[in-house]
Amino acid sequence: MLSSKQKKFLKKEAHDLKPIIQIGKDGLSNNSFITINQALKAHELIKVSMLQTCPSEPEEIILDVLARCHCEFVFKIGRTLIFYKASKEKLYQLP
């Protein structure tokens, strides 16, 4: 579980990141979860963008990703979600 200080740090680090994954009219598929897991392994910190055509609410997407990808939710900005999962390389040194 991330502390508020760690979330604040990760939110700042994610500011300049571009969304790696877009969720559209099909919502979250098995391929979406595979892509999210691969992106988390490679980058630790990712942004996921929900398009206007996405049938799900952001809260539903957050809960699904947390359950299936075993990562941490950092922050939600509109329809952009930020997730974090520490890797063995520890790219981000959390405070």
N, C-alpha and C. Protein backbone atom coordinates (compact mmCIF):
# COMPACT_ATOMS: atom_id res chain seq x y z
N MET A 1 0.85 -1.18 0.00
CA MET A 1 0.00 0.00 0.00
C MET A 1 0.89 1.24 0.00
N LEU A 2 0.59 2.14 -0.89
CA LEU A 2 1.39 3.37 -1.00
C LEU A 2 0.92 4.40 0.01
N SER A 3 1.87 5.11 0.58
CA SER A 3 1.54 6.21 1.49
C SER A 3 1.16 7.43 0.66
N SER A 4 0.58 8.44 1.28
CA SER A 4 0.21 9.65 0.56
C SER A 4 1.45 10.37 0.02
N LYS A 5 2.54 10.29 0.76
CA LYS A 5 3.80 10.90 0.31
C LYS A 5 4.31 10.20 -0.95
N GLN A 6 4.23 8.87 -0.98
CA GLN A 6 4.66 8.11 -2.14
C GLN A 6 3.76 8.38 -3.35
N LYS A 7 2.45 8.47 -3.11
CA LYS A 7 1.52 8.77 -4.20
C LYS A 7 1.79 10.16 -4.78
N LYS A 8 2.08 11.11 -3.91
CA LYS A 8 2.39 12.47 -4.37
C LYS A 8 3.65 12.46 -5.24
N PHE A 9 4.67 11.72 -4.81
CA PHE A 9 5.91 11.59 -5.57
C PHE A 9 5.64 10.96 -6.94
N LEU A 10 4.87 9.87 -6.97
CA LEU A 10 4.59 9.18 -8.22
C LEU A 10 3.71 10.03 -9.15
N LYS A 11 2.80 10.78 -8.57
CA LYS A 11 1.95 11.67 -9.36
C LYS A 11 2.82 12.71 -10.08
N LYS A 12 3.80 13.24 -9.35
CA LYS A 12 4.72 14.21 -9.94
C LYS A 12 5.55 13.57 -11.05
N GLU A 13 6.02 12.35 -10.82
CA GLU A 13 6.83 11.64 -11.82
C GLU A 13 6.01 11.32 -13.07
N ALA A 14 4.72 11.08 -12.91
CA ALA A 14 3.87 10.70 -14.03
C ALA A 14 3.39 11.90 -14.85
N HIS A 15 3.64 13.09 -14.36
CA HIS A 15 3.12 14.29 -15.00
C HIS A 15 3.46 14.37 -16.49
N ASP A 16 4.68 14.09 -16.86
CA ASP A 16 5.12 14.22 -18.25
C ASP A 16 4.94 12.94 -19.08
N LEU A 17 4.45 11.87 -18.45
CA LEU A 17 4.26 10.62 -19.18
C LEU A 17 3.05 10.71 -20.11
N LYS A 18 3.15 10.06 -21.24
CA LYS A 18 2.03 9.93 -22.16
C LYS A 18 1.29 8.63 -21.82
N PRO A 19 -0.03 8.60 -21.99
CA PRO A 19 -0.76 7.35 -21.75
C PRO A 19 -0.26 6.24 -22.66
N ILE A 20 0.01 5.08 -22.09
CA ILE A 20 0.52 3.94 -22.85
C ILE A 20 -0.64 3.13 -23.43
N ILE A 21 -1.75 3.09 -22.72
CA ILE A 21 -2.88 2.27 -23.11
C ILE A 21 -4.13 3.14 -23.18
N GLN A 22 -4.94 2.90 -24.22
CA GLN A 22 -6.23 3.56 -24.34
C GLN A 22 -7.33 2.52 -24.26
N ILE A 23 -8.34 2.80 -23.47
CA ILE A 23 -9.47 1.91 -23.34
C ILE A 23 -10.64 2.55 -24.07
N GLY A 24 -11.16 1.85 -25.07
CA GLY A 24 -12.21 2.41 -25.91
C GLY A 24 -13.55 1.73 -25.73
N LYS A 25 -14.30 1.63 -26.84
CA LYS A 25 -15.67 1.15 -26.79
C LYS A 25 -15.80 -0.30 -26.35
N ASP A 26 -14.73 -1.08 -26.47
CA ASP A 26 -14.78 -2.48 -26.05
C ASP A 26 -14.49 -2.67 -24.56
N GLY A 27 -14.12 -1.61 -23.88
CA GLY A 27 -13.79 -1.71 -22.46
C GLY A 27 -12.50 -2.48 -22.25
N LEU A 28 -12.38 -3.11 -21.10
CA LEU A 28 -11.18 -3.89 -20.78
C LEU A 28 -11.33 -5.31 -21.29
N SER A 29 -10.41 -5.74 -22.14
CA SER A 29 -10.40 -7.11 -22.63
C SER A 29 -9.21 -7.84 -22.01
N ASN A 30 -9.11 -9.13 -22.28
CA ASN A 30 -7.95 -9.88 -21.79
C ASN A 30 -6.66 -9.30 -22.35
N ASN A 31 -6.69 -8.87 -23.60
CA ASN A 31 -5.50 -8.26 -24.22
C ASN A 31 -5.12 -6.96 -23.50
N SER A 32 -6.12 -6.22 -23.04
CA SER A 32 -5.84 -4.98 -22.30
C SER A 32 -5.06 -5.29 -21.03
N PHE A 33 -5.49 -6.33 -20.31
CA PHE A 33 -4.80 -6.70 -19.07
C PHE A 33 -3.38 -7.18 -19.34
N ILE A 34 -3.20 -7.93 -20.43
CA ILE A 34 -1.85 -8.39 -20.79
C ILE A 34 -0.96 -7.19 -21.10
N THR A 35 -1.49 -6.23 -21.86
CA THR A 35 -0.72 -5.04 -22.22
C THR A 35 -0.39 -4.21 -20.99
N ILE A 36 -1.35 -4.06 -20.09
CA ILE A 36 -1.11 -3.30 -18.85
C ILE A 36 -0.03 -3.98 -18.02
N ASN A 37 -0.11 -5.30 -17.87
CA ASN A 37 0.91 -6.03 -17.10
C ASN A 37 2.29 -5.87 -17.72
N GLN A 38 2.40 -5.98 -19.03
CA GLN A 38 3.68 -5.83 -19.70
C GLN A 38 4.22 -4.42 -19.53
N ALA A 39 3.34 -3.43 -19.64
CA ALA A 39 3.77 -2.04 -19.48
C ALA A 39 4.23 -1.77 -18.06
N LEU A 40 3.54 -2.33 -17.08
CA LEU A 40 3.94 -2.15 -15.68
C LEU A 40 5.30 -2.79 -15.41
N LYS A 41 5.54 -3.98 -16.00
CA LYS A 41 6.84 -4.64 -15.82
C LYS A 41 7.96 -3.80 -16.43
N ALA A 42 7.69 -3.21 -17.58
CA ALA A 42 8.72 -2.45 -18.28
C ALA A 42 8.93 -1.06 -17.71
N HIS A 43 7.86 -0.40 -17.26
CA HIS A 43 7.95 1.01 -16.88
C HIS A 43 7.67 1.31 -15.41
N GLU A 44 7.06 0.38 -14.69
CA GLU A 44 6.63 0.55 -13.30
C GLU A 44 5.48 1.54 -13.14
N LEU A 45 5.56 2.68 -13.79
CA LEU A 45 4.57 3.75 -13.64
C LEU A 45 3.96 4.02 -15.02
N ILE A 46 2.64 3.86 -15.13
CA ILE A 46 1.99 4.05 -16.43
C ILE A 46 0.71 4.89 -16.29
N LYS A 47 0.35 5.48 -17.42
CA LYS A 47 -0.93 6.17 -17.52
C LYS A 47 -1.81 5.37 -18.46
N VAL A 48 -3.08 5.26 -18.08
CA VAL A 48 -4.08 4.60 -18.91
C VAL A 48 -5.15 5.64 -19.23
N SER A 49 -5.45 5.79 -20.50
CA SER A 49 -6.44 6.78 -20.93
C SER A 49 -7.75 6.08 -21.27
N MET A 50 -8.85 6.60 -20.74
CA MET A 50 -10.17 6.09 -21.06
C MET A 50 -10.80 7.03 -22.09
N LEU A 51 -11.11 6.50 -23.26
CA LEU A 51 -11.74 7.31 -24.29
C LEU A 51 -13.20 7.57 -23.93
N GLN A 52 -13.80 8.56 -24.54
CA GLN A 52 -15.19 8.91 -24.27
C GLN A 52 -16.13 7.76 -24.63
N THR A 53 -15.72 6.89 -25.55
CA THR A 53 -16.57 5.77 -25.97
C THR A 53 -16.53 4.60 -25.00
N CYS A 54 -15.67 4.65 -24.00
CA CYS A 54 -15.56 3.56 -23.03
C CYS A 54 -16.86 3.45 -22.23
N PRO A 55 -17.48 2.25 -22.22
CA PRO A 55 -18.76 2.08 -21.55
C PRO A 55 -18.66 2.04 -20.02
N SER A 56 -17.49 1.80 -19.49
CA SER A 56 -17.31 1.66 -18.04
C SER A 56 -16.97 3.00 -17.39
N GLU A 57 -17.26 3.08 -16.11
CA GLU A 57 -16.88 4.24 -15.31
C GLU A 57 -15.42 4.07 -14.87
N PRO A 58 -14.71 5.18 -14.61
CA PRO A 58 -13.31 5.06 -14.18
C PRO A 58 -13.13 4.18 -12.94
N GLU A 59 -14.06 4.26 -11.99
CA GLU A 59 -13.95 3.48 -10.77
C GLU A 59 -13.99 1.98 -11.06
N GLU A 60 -14.81 1.57 -12.03
CA GLU A 60 -14.89 0.15 -12.41
C GLU A 60 -13.57 -0.31 -13.03
N ILE A 61 -13.01 0.52 -13.89
CA ILE A 61 -11.74 0.19 -14.55
C ILE A 61 -10.64 0.07 -13.49
N ILE A 62 -10.60 1.00 -12.54
CA ILE A 62 -9.59 0.97 -11.49
C ILE A 62 -9.67 -0.33 -10.72
N LEU A 63 -10.86 -0.71 -10.28
CA LEU A 63 -11.03 -1.94 -9.50
C LEU A 63 -10.64 -3.18 -10.31
N ASP A 64 -11.01 -3.21 -11.59
CA ASP A 64 -10.65 -4.35 -12.44
C ASP A 64 -9.14 -4.47 -12.61
N VAL A 65 -8.48 -3.35 -12.87
CA VAL A 65 -7.02 -3.37 -13.07
C VAL A 65 -6.32 -3.77 -11.78
N LEU A 66 -6.75 -3.23 -10.65
CA LEU A 66 -6.13 -3.58 -9.37
C LEU A 66 -6.28 -5.07 -9.08
N ALA A 67 -7.45 -5.62 -9.35
CA ALA A 67 -7.70 -7.04 -9.07
C ALA A 67 -6.91 -7.96 -9.98
N ARG A 68 -6.81 -7.62 -11.26
CA ARG A 68 -6.19 -8.54 -12.21
C ARG A 68 -4.70 -8.31 -12.41
N CYS A 69 -4.21 -7.10 -12.16
CA CYS A 69 -2.79 -6.80 -12.41
C CYS A 69 -1.97 -6.69 -11.13
N HIS A 70 -2.63 -6.72 -9.98
CA HIS A 70 -1.94 -6.66 -8.67
C HIS A 70 -0.97 -5.48 -8.61
N CYS A 71 -1.49 -4.31 -8.91
CA CYS A 71 -0.67 -3.10 -8.89
C CYS A 71 -1.30 -2.09 -7.91
N GLU A 72 -0.73 -0.91 -7.87
CA GLU A 72 -1.23 0.16 -6.98
C GLU A 72 -1.84 1.27 -7.82
N PHE A 73 -2.95 1.79 -7.37
CA PHE A 73 -3.57 2.94 -8.01
C PHE A 73 -2.96 4.19 -7.40
N VAL A 74 -2.52 5.11 -8.26
CA VAL A 74 -1.87 6.33 -7.79
C VAL A 74 -2.83 7.51 -7.80
N PHE A 75 -3.45 7.77 -8.98
CA PHE A 75 -4.26 8.98 -9.08
C PHE A 75 -5.14 8.92 -10.32
N LYS A 76 -6.24 9.65 -10.28
CA LYS A 76 -7.15 9.77 -11.43
C LYS A 76 -7.28 11.24 -11.78
N ILE A 77 -7.01 11.56 -13.04
CA ILE A 77 -7.17 12.92 -13.54
C ILE A 77 -8.18 12.83 -14.67
N GLY A 78 -9.41 13.18 -14.42
CA GLY A 78 -10.45 13.06 -15.44
C GLY A 78 -10.63 11.61 -15.84
N ARG A 79 -10.30 11.30 -17.11
CA ARG A 79 -10.40 9.93 -17.60
C ARG A 79 -9.02 9.32 -17.83
N THR A 80 -8.03 9.87 -17.17
CA THR A 80 -6.68 9.32 -17.21
C THR A 80 -6.34 8.75 -15.84
N LEU A 81 -5.90 7.50 -15.84
CA LEU A 81 -5.61 6.78 -14.60
C LEU A 81 -4.12 6.48 -14.53
N ILE A 82 -3.56 6.59 -13.33
CA ILE A 82 -2.13 6.32 -13.13
C ILE A 82 -1.99 5.11 -12.21
N PHE A 83 -1.19 4.13 -12.68
CA PHE A 83 -0.95 2.91 -11.91
C PHE A 83 0.55 2.71 -11.72
N TYR A 84 0.89 2.02 -10.62
CA TYR A 84 2.29 1.76 -10.29
C TYR A 84 2.43 0.31 -9.81
N LYS A 85 3.51 -0.33 -10.24
CA LYS A 85 3.86 -1.65 -9.74
C LYS A 85 5.38 -1.74 -9.72
N ALA A 86 5.94 -1.91 -8.54
CA ALA A 86 7.40 -1.97 -8.41
C ALA A 86 7.94 -3.19 -9.15
N SER A 87 9.07 -3.00 -9.82
CA SER A 87 9.73 -4.12 -10.49
C SER A 87 11.03 -4.43 -9.77
N LYS A 88 11.70 -5.46 -10.22
CA LYS A 88 12.96 -5.85 -9.59
C LYS A 88 14.03 -4.78 -9.78
N GLU A 89 13.95 -4.02 -10.89
CA GLU A 89 14.95 -2.99 -11.17
C GLU A 89 14.75 -1.73 -10.33
N LYS A 90 13.56 -1.55 -9.76
CA LYS A 90 13.22 -0.38 -8.93
C LYS A 90 13.61 0.91 -9.63
N LEU A 91 12.90 1.23 -10.71
CA LEU A 91 13.18 2.44 -11.49
C LEU A 91 12.91 3.70 -10.68
N TYR A 92 11.91 3.64 -9.81
CA TYR A 92 11.56 4.80 -8.98
C TYR A 92 11.91 4.50 -7.52
N GLN A 93 12.70 5.36 -6.94
CA GLN A 93 13.07 5.23 -5.53
C GLN A 93 12.04 5.99 -4.70
N LEU A 94 11.10 5.27 -4.16
CA LEU A 94 10.02 5.92 -3.40
C LEU A 94 10.54 6.47 -2.08
N PRO A 95 10.00 7.64 -1.70
CA PRO A 95 10.41 8.24 -0.41
C PRO A 95 9.93 7.42 0.77
